[in-house]
Amino acid sequence: MLNLSKHQQAIIALIITNIIWGAASPIFKWSLGNVGTFTLAFLRFFIAAYIILPFTYKKLSVKREHIYSLIIASTFGITLNISLFFLALPYTASINVPIIGSSGPIMILFASAIFLKEKLKRKVINGMLLSLIGILIIIIVPVYKTGIDTSIFGNFLLIAATISTVVHVILLKKIAKFYDAMTLTFWSFIISSMTFLPFMLNEIRVIGFLPNLGIQGIIGILFGAFLSSAVAYGLYQFAVKYMNANETGIFTYLDPFPAIIIAIPLLGEKLTLEYMLGAILVFLGIYLAEGRIHYHPIHLLRNMSKGLKSIV
């Protein structure tokens, strides 16, 4: 039995979530070789919605004034983000996904300066520039080695996907405190499923519905529906309710580790010198900009040691 505060539970929830999402990029890249992009997206969220329905069917009501925010947040955070993410995977290395995604917290700080008129400190500006250099090294240096290819297109799609996540976090935080995490997760999945549906139908018109479905496609659908959607989004929505939006972004730092562990044997991807250098600069820039190592997941877990001693 856990004797943890809601904030401590949110920390554990985010660690589990980002391990799952870190593993997602190589698994989905592998699976997309056997199932259509929007078919996978639709099935992933449509199935996940009905997986969590038994846990939330008694509390599905949403206030009228929050419907618009929920629709916009779902459109940016799931429909746009997942579409860009899936479309990018065939063109770029899956291990690039978590590194580029780790720039999300920096983007949140930058967005707050533009839209909320918050003043940026010099260390924040320097940190953003350092992270930007790191991302550009990962994106551009390979072009000098092999020439311009589709990988640069895929990497820019990943940047756009990360920006859409920033919008999602800001919008969701405004309404998260009014609802159970599963309620928001269910409606987000239903909304995104409906937006994916016309694209899936067009895809079916061209290639058919799950032609030659094999183990790759099956694993992608099951992993996407159960772990990456029902479990991970549910935990994420719970965490957002009990943590500040800028704290949740810190946990994206975990994503590269499961991605690398899976991508190397599954996809044969390699850690290049420019990838290692770029990743180091990205994380140094984030640390310099935020200056809050006490929010790092490992440090947060260490501070929870007293609570964890009460686990039976």
C-alpha atoms as a PDB file:
ATOM      1  CA  MET A   1       0.000   0.000   0.000  1.00  0.00           C
ATOM      2  CA  LEU A   2       1.333   3.400  -0.911  1.00  0.00           C
ATOM      3  CA  ASN A   3       1.369   6.236   1.564  1.00  0.00           C
ATOM      4  CA  LEU A   4       2.255   8.946  -0.936  1.00  0.00           C
ATOM      5  CA  SER A   5       0.892  12.406  -1.569  1.00  0.00           C
ATOM      6  CA  LYS A   6      -0.872  13.163  -4.852  1.00  0.00           C
ATOM      7  CA  HIS A   7       2.211  15.083  -5.989  1.00  0.00           C
ATOM      8  CA  GLN A   8       4.453  12.084  -5.287  1.00  0.00           C
ATOM      9  CA  GLN A   9       2.031   9.791  -7.108  1.00  0.00           C
ATOM     10  CA  ALA A  10       2.149  12.223 -10.040  1.00  0.00           C
ATOM     11  CA  ILE A  11       5.950  11.912 -10.134  1.00  0.00           C
ATOM     12  CA  ILE A  12       5.753   8.120 -10.372  1.00  0.00           C
ATOM     13  CA  ALA A  13       2.995   8.403 -12.983  1.00  0.00           C
ATOM     14  CA  LEU A  14       5.149  10.664 -15.175  1.00  0.00           C
ATOM     15  CA  ILE A  15       8.200   8.426 -14.899  1.00  0.00           C
ATOM     16  CA  ILE A  16       6.161   5.410 -16.070  1.00  0.00           C
ATOM     17  CA  THR A  17       4.532   7.525 -18.793  1.00  0.00           C
ATOM     18  CA  ASN A  18       7.785   8.765 -20.257  1.00  0.00           C
ATOM     19  CA  ILE A  19       9.385   5.324 -20.208  1.00  0.00           C
ATOM     20  CA  ILE A  20       6.429   4.088 -22.282  1.00  0.00           C
ATOM     21  CA  TRP A  21       6.535   7.093 -24.619  1.00  0.00           C
ATOM     22  CA  GLY A  22      10.297   6.795 -24.963  1.00  0.00           C
ATOM     23  CA  ALA A  23       9.848   3.207 -26.140  1.00  0.00           C
ATOM     24  CA  ALA A  24       7.055   4.274 -28.508  1.00  0.00           C
ATOM     25  CA  SER A  25       9.135   5.859 -31.285  1.00  0.00           C
ATOM     26  CA  PRO A  26      11.135   2.743 -32.287  1.00  0.00           C
ATOM     27  CA  ILE A  27       8.136   0.431 -31.771  1.00  0.00           C
ATOM     28  CA  PHE A  28       5.830   2.575 -33.917  1.00  0.00           C
ATOM     29  CA  LYS A  29       8.478   3.053 -36.613  1.00  0.00           C
ATOM     30  CA  TRP A  30       8.835  -0.729 -36.790  1.00  0.00           C
ATOM     31  CA  SER A  31       5.040  -1.219 -36.848  1.00  0.00           C
ATOM     32  CA  LEU A  32       4.330   1.370 -39.545  1.00  0.00           C
ATOM     33  CA  GLY A  33       5.997  -0.932 -42.029  1.00  0.00           C
ATOM     34  CA  ASN A  34       2.933  -3.167 -41.730  1.00  0.00           C
ATOM     35  CA  VAL A  35      -0.022  -0.857 -41.034  1.00  0.00           C
ATOM     36  CA  GLY A  36      -1.171   2.476 -42.479  1.00  0.00           C
ATOM     37  CA  THR A  37      -0.317   5.684 -40.639  1.00  0.00           C
ATOM     38  CA  PHE A  38      -3.852   6.919 -39.980  1.00  0.00           C
ATOM     39  CA  THR A  39      -5.281   3.428 -39.571  1.00  0.00           C
ATOM     40  CA  LEU A  40      -2.835   2.873 -36.719  1.00  0.00           C
ATOM     41  CA  ALA A  41      -3.632   6.304 -35.269  1.00  0.00           C
ATOM     42  CA  PHE A  42      -7.405   5.746 -35.391  1.00  0.00           C
ATOM     43  CA  LEU A  43      -7.314   2.199 -33.979  1.00  0.00           C
ATOM     44  CA  ARG A  44      -4.877   3.220 -31.276  1.00  0.00           C
ATOM     45  CA  PHE A  45      -7.128   5.881 -29.777  1.00  0.00           C
ATOM     46  CA  PHE A  46     -10.533   4.396 -30.627  1.00  0.00           C
ATOM     47  CA  ILE A  47      -9.683   1.107 -28.911  1.00  0.00           C
ATOM     48  CA  ALA A  48      -8.037   2.927 -25.996  1.00  0.00           C
ATOM     49  CA  ALA A  49     -11.174   5.022 -25.430  1.00  0.00           C
ATOM     50  CA  TYR A  50     -13.238   1.897 -24.872  1.00  0.00           C
ATOM     51  CA  ILE A  51     -10.550   0.305 -22.709  1.00  0.00           C
ATOM     52  CA  ILE A  52     -10.897   3.140 -20.196  1.00  0.00           C
ATOM     53  CA  LEU A  53     -14.674   3.620 -20.569  1.00  0.00           C
ATOM     54  CA  PRO A  54     -15.564   1.164 -17.736  1.00  0.00           C
ATOM     55  CA  PHE A  55     -13.444   3.265 -15.365  1.00  0.00           C
ATOM     56  CA  THR A  56     -15.049   6.595 -16.220  1.00  0.00           C
ATOM     57  CA  TYR A  57     -18.573   6.061 -17.624  1.00  0.00           C
ATOM     58  CA  LYS A  58     -20.186   7.487 -14.470  1.00  0.00           C
ATOM     59  CA  LYS A  59     -18.352  10.822 -14.766  1.00  0.00           C
ATOM     60  CA  LEU A  60     -18.313  11.747 -18.430  1.00  0.00           C
ATOM     61  CA  SER A  61     -20.066  15.113 -18.186  1.00  0.00           C
ATOM     62  CA  VAL A  62     -18.065  18.170 -19.248  1.00  0.00           C
ATOM     63  CA  LYS A  63     -19.050  21.780 -18.606  1.00  0.00           C
ATOM     64  CA  ARG A  64     -20.117  23.648 -21.711  1.00  0.00           C
ATOM     65  CA  GLU A  65     -17.532  26.368 -21.199  1.00  0.00           C
ATOM     66  CA  HIS A  66     -14.742  23.750 -21.227  1.00  0.00           C
ATOM     67  CA  ILE A  67     -15.770  21.871 -24.372  1.00  0.00           C
ATOM     68  CA  TYR A  68     -13.979  24.230 -26.751  1.00  0.00           C
ATOM     69  CA  SER A  69     -10.722  24.068 -24.745  1.00  0.00           C
ATOM     70  CA  LEU A  70     -10.948  20.267 -24.631  1.00  0.00           C
ATOM     71  CA  ILE A  71     -11.483  20.030 -28.388  1.00  0.00           C
ATOM     72  CA  ILE A  72      -8.582  22.371 -29.174  1.00  0.00           C
ATOM     73  CA  ALA A  73      -6.274  20.672 -26.641  1.00  0.00           C
ATOM     74  CA  SER A  74      -7.126  17.233 -28.067  1.00  0.00           C
ATOM     75  CA  THR A  75      -6.626  18.445 -31.625  1.00  0.00           C
ATOM     76  CA  PHE A  76      -3.175  19.841 -30.876  1.00  0.00           C
ATOM     77  CA  GLY A  77      -2.037  17.301 -28.283  1.00  0.00           C
ATOM     78  CA  ILE A  78      -3.209  14.152 -30.063  1.00  0.00           C
ATOM     79  CA  THR A  79      -4.455  14.667 -33.628  1.00  0.00           C
ATOM     80  CA  LEU A  80      -1.768  17.072 -34.814  1.00  0.00           C
ATOM     81  CA  ASN A  81       0.997  15.743 -32.598  1.00  0.00           C
ATOM     82  CA  ILE A  82       0.477  12.076 -33.476  1.00  0.00           C
ATOM     83  CA  SER A  83      -0.066  12.802 -37.180  1.00  0.00           C
ATOM     84  CA  LEU A  84       3.214  14.710 -37.408  1.00  0.00           C
ATOM     85  CA  PHE A  85       4.958  12.100 -35.255  1.00  0.00           C
ATOM     86  CA  PHE A  86       3.802   9.140 -37.373  1.00  0.00           C
ATOM     87  CA  LEU A  87       4.482  10.967 -40.640  1.00  0.00           C
ATOM     88  CA  ALA A  88       8.009  11.807 -39.469  1.00  0.00           C
ATOM     89  CA  LEU A  89       9.035   8.302 -38.397  1.00  0.00           C
ATOM     90  CA  PRO A  90       9.598   6.795 -41.879  1.00  0.00           C
ATOM     91  CA  TYR A  91      11.965   9.654 -42.718  1.00  0.00           C
ATOM     92  CA  THR A  92      14.155   9.953 -39.639  1.00  0.00           C
ATOM     93  CA  ALA A  93      15.836   7.896 -36.933  1.00  0.00           C
ATOM     94  CA  SER A  94      13.487   7.027 -34.077  1.00  0.00           C
ATOM     95  CA  ILE A  95      16.140   7.998 -31.515  1.00  0.00           C
ATOM     96  CA  ASN A  96      15.872  11.588 -32.780  1.00  0.00           C
ATOM     97  CA  VAL A  97      12.287  11.756 -31.514  1.00  0.00           C
ATOM     98  CA  PRO A  98      12.950  12.001 -27.745  1.00  0.00           C
ATOM     99  CA  ILE A  99      15.882  14.394 -28.155  1.00  0.00           C
ATOM    100  CA  ILE A 100      13.896  16.831 -30.253  1.00  0.00           C
ATOM    101  CA  GLY A 101      10.904  16.312 -27.957  1.00  0.00           C
ATOM    102  CA  SER A 102      13.069  17.237 -24.971  1.00  0.00           C
ATOM    103  CA  SER A 103      13.108  20.798 -26.259  1.00  0.00           C
ATOM    104  CA  GLY A 104       9.453  21.063 -25.209  1.00  0.00           C
ATOM    105  CA  PRO A 105      10.168  22.650 -21.790  1.00  0.00           C
ATOM    106  CA  ILE A 106      12.311  25.293 -23.490  1.00  0.00           C
ATOM    107  CA  MET A 107       9.502  26.009 -25.937  1.00  0.00           C
ATOM    108  CA  ILE A 108       7.079  26.441 -23.032  1.00  0.00           C
ATOM    109  CA  LEU A 109       9.363  29.094 -21.528  1.00  0.00           C
ATOM    110  CA  PHE A 110       9.687  30.800 -24.910  1.00  0.00           C
ATOM    111  CA  ALA A 111       5.912  30.700 -25.476  1.00  0.00           C
ATOM    112  CA  SER A 112       5.259  32.197 -22.055  1.00  0.00           C
ATOM    113  CA  ALA A 113       7.497  35.129 -22.976  1.00  0.00           C
ATOM    114  CA  ILE A 114       5.610  35.752 -26.235  1.00  0.00           C
ATOM    115  CA  PHE A 115       2.013  35.109 -25.206  1.00  0.00           C
ATOM    116  CA  LEU A 116       2.082  35.789 -21.462  1.00  0.00           C
ATOM    117  CA  LYS A 117       4.617  38.641 -21.667  1.00  0.00           C
ATOM    118  CA  GLU A 118       6.853  36.995 -19.075  1.00  0.00           C
ATOM    119  CA  LYS A 119      10.367  38.390 -19.017  1.00  0.00           C
ATOM    120  CA  LEU A 120      13.100  35.913 -19.928  1.00  0.00           C
ATOM    121  CA  LYS A 121      16.291  35.919 -17.915  1.00  0.00           C
ATOM    122  CA  ARG A 122      19.624  35.927 -19.695  1.00  0.00           C
ATOM    123  CA  LYS A 123      20.385  32.349 -18.601  1.00  0.00           C
ATOM    124  CA  VAL A 124      17.089  31.233 -20.147  1.00  0.00           C
ATOM    125  CA  ILE A 125      17.978  32.858 -23.468  1.00  0.00           C
ATOM    126  CA  ASN A 126      21.471  31.326 -23.374  1.00  0.00           C
ATOM    127  CA  GLY A 127      20.012  27.927 -22.522  1.00  0.00           C
ATOM    128  CA  MET A 128      17.513  28.108 -25.377  1.00  0.00           C
ATOM    129  CA  LEU A 129      20.274  29.008 -27.817  1.00  0.00           C
ATOM    130  CA  LEU A 130      22.451  26.134 -26.583  1.00  0.00           C
ATOM    131  CA  SER A 131      19.597  23.624 -26.961  1.00  0.00           C
ATOM    132  CA  LEU A 132      18.802  25.015 -30.396  1.00  0.00           C
ATOM    133  CA  ILE A 133      22.413  24.477 -31.459  1.00  0.00           C
ATOM    134  CA  GLY A 134      22.195  20.892 -30.207  1.00  0.00           C
ATOM    135  CA  ILE A 135      19.034  20.193 -32.201  1.00  0.00           C
ATOM    136  CA  LEU A 136      20.499  21.811 -35.316  1.00  0.00           C
ATOM    137  CA  ILE A 137      23.601  19.602 -35.015  1.00  0.00           C
ATOM    138  CA  ILE A 138      21.403  16.491 -34.962  1.00  0.00           C
ATOM    139  CA  ILE A 139      19.357  17.739 -37.917  1.00  0.00           C
ATOM    140  CA  ILE A 140      21.919  19.448 -40.150  1.00  0.00           C
ATOM    141  CA  VAL A 141      25.284  17.697 -39.652  1.00  0.00           C
ATOM    142  CA  PRO A 142      24.091  14.440 -41.312  1.00  0.00           C
ATOM    143  CA  VAL A 143      23.194  16.542 -44.377  1.00  0.00           C
ATOM    144  CA  TYR A 144      26.882  17.426 -44.816  1.00  0.00           C
ATOM    145  CA  LYS A 145      27.786  13.737 -44.598  1.00  0.00           C
ATOM    146  CA  THR A 146      25.213  12.219 -46.934  1.00  0.00           C
ATOM    147  CA  GLY A 147      23.673  15.223 -48.677  1.00  0.00           C
ATOM    148  CA  ILE A 148      20.120  16.485 -48.411  1.00  0.00           C
ATOM    149  CA  ASP A 149      17.734  13.599 -47.893  1.00  0.00           C
ATOM    150  CA  THR A 150      14.334  12.931 -46.353  1.00  0.00           C
ATOM    151  CA  SER A 151      15.703  12.820 -42.793  1.00  0.00           C
ATOM    152  CA  ILE A 152      15.766  16.616 -42.533  1.00  0.00           C
ATOM    153  CA  PHE A 153      12.080  16.705 -43.506  1.00  0.00           C
ATOM    154  CA  GLY A 154      11.272  14.130 -40.821  1.00  0.00           C
ATOM    155  CA  ASN A 155      13.188  16.078 -38.173  1.00  0.00           C
ATOM    156  CA  PHE A 156      11.311  19.298 -38.929  1.00  0.00           C
ATOM    157  CA  LEU A 157       8.033  17.375 -38.633  1.00  0.00           C
ATOM    158  CA  LEU A 158       9.172  16.283 -35.173  1.00  0.00           C
ATOM    159  CA  ILE A 159       9.829  19.902 -34.198  1.00  0.00           C
ATOM    160  CA  ALA A 160       6.298  20.802 -35.307  1.00  0.00           C
ATOM    161  CA  ALA A 161       4.941  17.846 -33.289  1.00  0.00           C
ATOM    162  CA  THR A 162       6.765  19.129 -30.205  1.00  0.00           C
ATOM    163  CA  ILE A 163       5.266  22.602 -30.648  1.00  0.00           C
ATOM    164  CA  SER A 164       1.774  21.084 -30.800  1.00  0.00           C
ATOM    165  CA  THR A 165       2.444  19.351 -27.470  1.00  0.00           C
ATOM    166  CA  VAL A 166       3.336  22.697 -25.875  1.00  0.00           C
ATOM    167  CA  VAL A 167      -0.060  24.092 -26.910  1.00  0.00           C
ATOM    168  CA  HIS A 168      -1.740  20.977 -25.500  1.00  0.00           C
ATOM    169  CA  VAL A 169      -0.069  21.320 -22.093  1.00  0.00           C
ATOM    170  CA  ILE A 170      -1.018  24.986 -21.732  1.00  0.00           C
ATOM    171  CA  LEU A 171      -4.656  24.454 -22.729  1.00  0.00           C
ATOM    172  CA  LEU A 172      -5.155  21.259 -20.728  1.00  0.00           C
ATOM    173  CA  LYS A 173      -3.805  22.776 -17.534  1.00  0.00           C
ATOM    174  CA  LYS A 174      -6.624  25.333 -17.552  1.00  0.00           C
ATOM    175  CA  ILE A 175      -9.342  22.694 -17.238  1.00  0.00           C
ATOM    176  CA  ALA A 176      -7.548  19.682 -15.705  1.00  0.00           C
ATOM    177  CA  LYS A 177      -8.332  20.676 -12.119  1.00  0.00           C
ATOM    178  CA  PHE A 178     -12.095  20.425 -12.751  1.00  0.00           C
ATOM    179  CA  TYR A 179     -12.184  16.803 -13.917  1.00  0.00           C
ATOM    180  CA  ASP A 180     -11.020  13.295 -13.209  1.00  0.00           C
ATOM    181  CA  ALA A 181      -7.988  12.333 -15.294  1.00  0.00           C
ATOM    182  CA  MET A 182      -9.827   9.464 -16.975  1.00  0.00           C
ATOM    183  CA  THR A 183     -12.684  11.752 -18.028  1.00  0.00           C
ATOM    184  CA  LEU A 184     -10.332  14.044 -19.922  1.00  0.00           C
ATOM    185  CA  THR A 185      -8.466  11.085 -21.359  1.00  0.00           C
ATOM    186  CA  PHE A 186     -11.649   9.402 -22.648  1.00  0.00           C
ATOM    187  CA  TRP A 187     -12.972  12.522 -24.382  1.00  0.00           C
ATOM    188  CA  SER A 188      -9.530  13.364 -25.789  1.00  0.00           C
ATOM    189  CA  PHE A 189      -9.399   9.892 -27.349  1.00  0.00           C
ATOM    190  CA  ILE A 190     -12.927  10.107 -28.760  1.00  0.00           C
ATOM    191  CA  ILE A 191     -12.298  13.566 -30.235  1.00  0.00           C
ATOM    192  CA  SER A 192      -8.987  12.522 -31.787  1.00  0.00           C
ATOM    193  CA  SER A 193     -10.500   9.278 -33.135  1.00  0.00           C
ATOM    194  CA  MET A 194     -13.166  11.256 -34.962  1.00  0.00           C
ATOM    195  CA  THR A 195     -10.564  13.589 -36.447  1.00  0.00           C
ATOM    196  CA  PHE A 196      -8.432  10.636 -37.582  1.00  0.00           C
ATOM    197  CA  LEU A 197     -11.433   8.823 -39.110  1.00  0.00           C
ATOM    198  CA  PRO A 198     -11.674  10.661 -42.464  1.00  0.00           C
ATOM    199  CA  PHE A 199      -7.932  10.261 -43.040  1.00  0.00           C
ATOM    200  CA  MET A 200      -8.166   6.555 -42.230  1.00  0.00           C
ATOM    201  CA  LEU A 201     -11.103   6.120 -44.632  1.00  0.00           C
ATOM    202  CA  ASN A 202      -9.094   7.779 -47.393  1.00  0.00           C
ATOM    203  CA  GLU A 203      -6.161   5.512 -46.574  1.00  0.00           C
ATOM    204  CA  ILE A 204      -8.440   2.447 -46.733  1.00  0.00           C
ATOM    205  CA  ARG A 205      -9.736   3.613 -50.108  1.00  0.00           C
ATOM    206  CA  VAL A 206      -6.181   3.587 -51.457  1.00  0.00           C
ATOM    207  CA  ILE A 207      -4.573   0.542 -49.798  1.00  0.00           C
ATOM    208  CA  GLY A 208      -7.442  -1.325 -48.127  1.00  0.00           C
ATOM    209  CA  PHE A 209      -8.068  -2.071 -44.447  1.00  0.00           C
ATOM    210  CA  LEU A 210      -5.051  -3.710 -42.811  1.00  0.00           C
ATOM    211  CA  PRO A 211      -3.824  -5.547 -45.915  1.00  0.00           C
ATOM    212  CA  ASN A 212      -1.355  -8.311 -45.028  1.00  0.00           C
ATOM    213  CA  LEU A 213      -1.506  -7.457 -41.316  1.00  0.00           C
ATOM    214  CA  GLY A 214       1.397  -9.158 -39.532  1.00  0.00           C
ATOM    215  CA  ILE A 215       3.037  -9.278 -36.139  1.00  0.00           C
ATOM    216  CA  GLN A 216       4.546  -5.791 -36.591  1.00  0.00           C
ATOM    217  CA  GLY A 217       1.175  -4.164 -37.131  1.00  0.00           C
ATOM    218  CA  ILE A 218      -0.497  -6.172 -34.354  1.00  0.00           C
ATOM    219  CA  ILE A 219       2.164  -5.196 -31.810  1.00  0.00           C
ATOM    220  CA  GLY A 220       1.921  -1.543 -32.886  1.00  0.00           C
ATOM    221  CA  ILE A 221      -1.871  -1.498 -32.473  1.00  0.00           C
ATOM    222  CA  LEU A 222      -1.838  -3.309 -29.111  1.00  0.00           C
ATOM    223  CA  PHE A 223       1.096  -1.297 -27.737  1.00  0.00           C
ATOM    224  CA  GLY A 224      -0.509   1.928 -28.967  1.00  0.00           C
ATOM    225  CA  ALA A 225      -3.986   1.182 -27.597  1.00  0.00           C
ATOM    226  CA  PHE A 226      -3.103  -0.333 -24.234  1.00  0.00           C
ATOM    227  CA  LEU A 227       0.229   1.090 -23.093  1.00  0.00           C
ATOM    228  CA  SER A 228       1.009   4.216 -25.108  1.00  0.00           C
ATOM    229  CA  SER A 229      -2.598   5.477 -25.010  1.00  0.00           C
ATOM    230  CA  ALA A 230      -4.839   4.040 -22.272  1.00  0.00           C
ATOM    231  CA  VAL A 231      -2.122   3.669 -19.630  1.00  0.00           C
ATOM    232  CA  ALA A 232       0.296   6.480 -20.517  1.00  0.00           C
ATOM    233  CA  TYR A 233      -2.269   9.196 -21.308  1.00  0.00           C
ATOM    234  CA  GLY A 234      -4.307   8.274 -18.235  1.00  0.00           C
ATOM    235  CA  LEU A 235      -1.230   8.601 -16.019  1.00  0.00           C
ATOM    236  CA  TYR A 236      -0.251  11.820 -17.783  1.00  0.00           C
ATOM    237  CA  GLN A 237      -3.682  13.421 -17.308  1.00  0.00           C
ATOM    238  CA  PHE A 238      -3.531  12.447 -13.621  1.00  0.00           C
ATOM    239  CA  ALA A 239      -0.071  14.002 -13.259  1.00  0.00           C
ATOM    240  CA  VAL A 240      -1.057  17.261 -14.993  1.00  0.00           C
ATOM    241  CA  LYS A 241      -3.822  17.681 -12.419  1.00  0.00           C
ATOM    242  CA  TYR A 242      -1.400  17.605  -9.493  1.00  0.00           C
ATOM    243  CA  MET A 243       1.749  19.189 -10.954  1.00  0.00           C
ATOM    244  CA  ASN A 244       2.657  22.460 -12.629  1.00  0.00           C
ATOM    245  CA  ALA A 245       2.734  22.322 -16.420  1.00  0.00           C
ATOM    246  CA  ASN A 246       6.408  23.300 -16.527  1.00  0.00           C
ATOM    247  CA  GLU A 247       7.270  20.474 -14.097  1.00  0.00           C
ATOM    248  CA  THR A 248       5.681  17.830 -16.315  1.00  0.00           C
ATOM    249  CA  GLY A 249       7.996  18.768 -19.175  1.00  0.00           C
ATOM    250  CA  ILE A 250      11.065  17.868 -17.121  1.00  0.00           C
ATOM    251  CA  PHE A 251      10.207  14.176 -17.367  1.00  0.00           C
ATOM    252  CA  THR A 252      10.738  14.116 -21.132  1.00  0.00           C
ATOM    253  CA  TYR A 253      14.440  13.866 -20.221  1.00  0.00           C
ATOM    254  CA  LEU A 254      13.833  10.166 -19.559  1.00  0.00           C
ATOM    255  CA  ASP A 255      12.540   9.396 -23.060  1.00  0.00           C
ATOM    256  CA  PRO A 256      15.876   8.899 -24.912  1.00  0.00           C
ATOM    257  CA  PHE A 257      16.979   5.970 -22.748  1.00  0.00           C
ATOM    258  CA  PRO A 258      14.227   3.439 -23.567  1.00  0.00           C
ATOM    259  CA  ALA A 259      14.222   4.709 -27.178  1.00  0.00           C
ATOM    260  CA  ILE A 260      17.930   3.962 -27.607  1.00  0.00           C
ATOM    261  CA  ILE A 261      17.736   0.598 -25.796  1.00  0.00           C
ATOM    262  CA  ILE A 262      14.968  -0.574 -28.159  1.00  0.00           C
ATOM    263  CA  ALA A 263      15.977   1.165 -31.413  1.00  0.00           C
ATOM    264  CA  ILE A 264      19.495  -0.237 -31.618  1.00  0.00           C
ATOM    265  CA  PRO A 265      18.549  -3.957 -31.686  1.00  0.00           C
ATOM    266  CA  LEU A 266      15.080  -3.563 -33.278  1.00  0.00           C
ATOM    267  CA  LEU A 267      15.878  -1.080 -36.058  1.00  0.00           C
ATOM    268  CA  GLY A 268      19.661  -1.246 -36.269  1.00  0.00           C
ATOM    269  CA  GLU A 269      19.990   2.478 -35.511  1.00  0.00           C
ATOM    270  CA  LYS A 270      23.358   3.766 -34.331  1.00  0.00           C
ATOM    271  CA  LEU A 271      24.540   6.457 -31.940  1.00  0.00           C
ATOM    272  CA  THR A 272      26.557   8.817 -34.128  1.00  0.00           C
ATOM    273  CA  LEU A 273      29.032  11.384 -32.869  1.00  0.00           C
ATOM    274  CA  GLU A 274      26.780  14.267 -33.936  1.00  0.00           C
ATOM    275  CA  TYR A 275      23.823  12.657 -32.162  1.00  0.00           C
ATOM    276  CA  MET A 276      25.771  12.352 -28.893  1.00  0.00           C
ATOM    277  CA  LEU A 277      27.117  15.914 -29.161  1.00  0.00           C
ATOM    278  CA  GLY A 278      23.705  17.336 -30.045  1.00  0.00           C
ATOM    279  CA  ALA A 279      22.002  15.469 -27.194  1.00  0.00           C
ATOM    280  CA  ILE A 280      24.569  16.758 -24.691  1.00  0.00           C
ATOM    281  CA  LEU A 281      24.051  20.354 -25.847  1.00  0.00           C
ATOM    282  CA  VAL A 282      20.251  19.988 -25.702  1.00  0.00           C
ATOM    283  CA  PHE A 283      20.336  18.783 -22.106  1.00  0.00           C
ATOM    284  CA  LEU A 284      22.949  21.335 -21.053  1.00  0.00           C
ATOM    285  CA  GLY A 285      20.802  24.064 -22.555  1.00  0.00           C
ATOM    286  CA  ILE A 286      17.707  22.822 -20.730  1.00  0.00           C
ATOM    287  CA  TYR A 287      19.603  22.700 -17.438  1.00  0.00           C
ATOM    288  CA  LEU A 288      21.042  26.180 -17.978  1.00  0.00           C
ATOM    289  CA  ALA A 289      17.654  27.648 -18.941  1.00  0.00           C
ATOM    290  CA  GLU A 290      15.609  26.083 -16.187  1.00  0.00           C
ATOM    291  CA  GLY A 291      18.225  25.992 -13.458  1.00  0.00           C
ATOM    292  CA  ARG A 292      16.093  23.622 -11.429  1.00  0.00           C
ATOM    293  CA  ILE A 293      17.938  20.335 -11.044  1.00  0.00           C
ATOM    294  CA  HIS A 294      15.755  19.651  -7.983  1.00  0.00           C
ATOM    295  CA  TYR A 295      12.917  18.901 -10.423  1.00  0.00           C
ATOM    296  CA  HIS A 296      14.918  16.206 -12.221  1.00  0.00           C
ATOM    297  CA  PRO A 297      13.065  12.846 -12.034  1.00  0.00           C
ATOM    298  CA  ILE A 298      15.941  11.081 -10.242  1.00  0.00           C
ATOM    299  CA  HIS A 299      16.169  13.831  -7.640  1.00  0.00           C
ATOM    300  CA  LEU A 300      12.406  13.819  -7.149  1.00  0.00           C
ATOM    301  CA  LEU A 301      12.465  10.078  -6.541  1.00  0.00           C
ATOM    302  CA  ARG A 302      15.241  10.492  -4.010  1.00  0.00           C
ATOM    303  CA  ASN A 303      13.136  13.011  -2.121  1.00  0.00           C
ATOM    304  CA  MET A 304      10.305  10.492  -2.020  1.00  0.00           C
ATOM    305  CA  SER A 305      12.343   7.917  -0.097  1.00  0.00           C
ATOM    306  CA  LYS A 306      10.452   8.504   3.142  1.00  0.00           C
ATOM    307  CA  GLY A 307       7.134   7.895   1.471  1.00  0.00           C
ATOM    308  CA  LEU A 308       8.396   4.807  -0.316  1.00  0.00           C
ATOM    309  CA  LYS A 309       9.472   3.228   2.971  1.00  0.00           C
ATOM    310  CA  SER A 310       5.798   2.807   3.826  1.00  0.00           C
ATOM    311  CA  ILE A 311       5.166   0.498   0.813  1.00  0.00           C
ATOM    312  CA  VAL A 312       3.961  -2.902   2.025  1.00  0.00           C
END
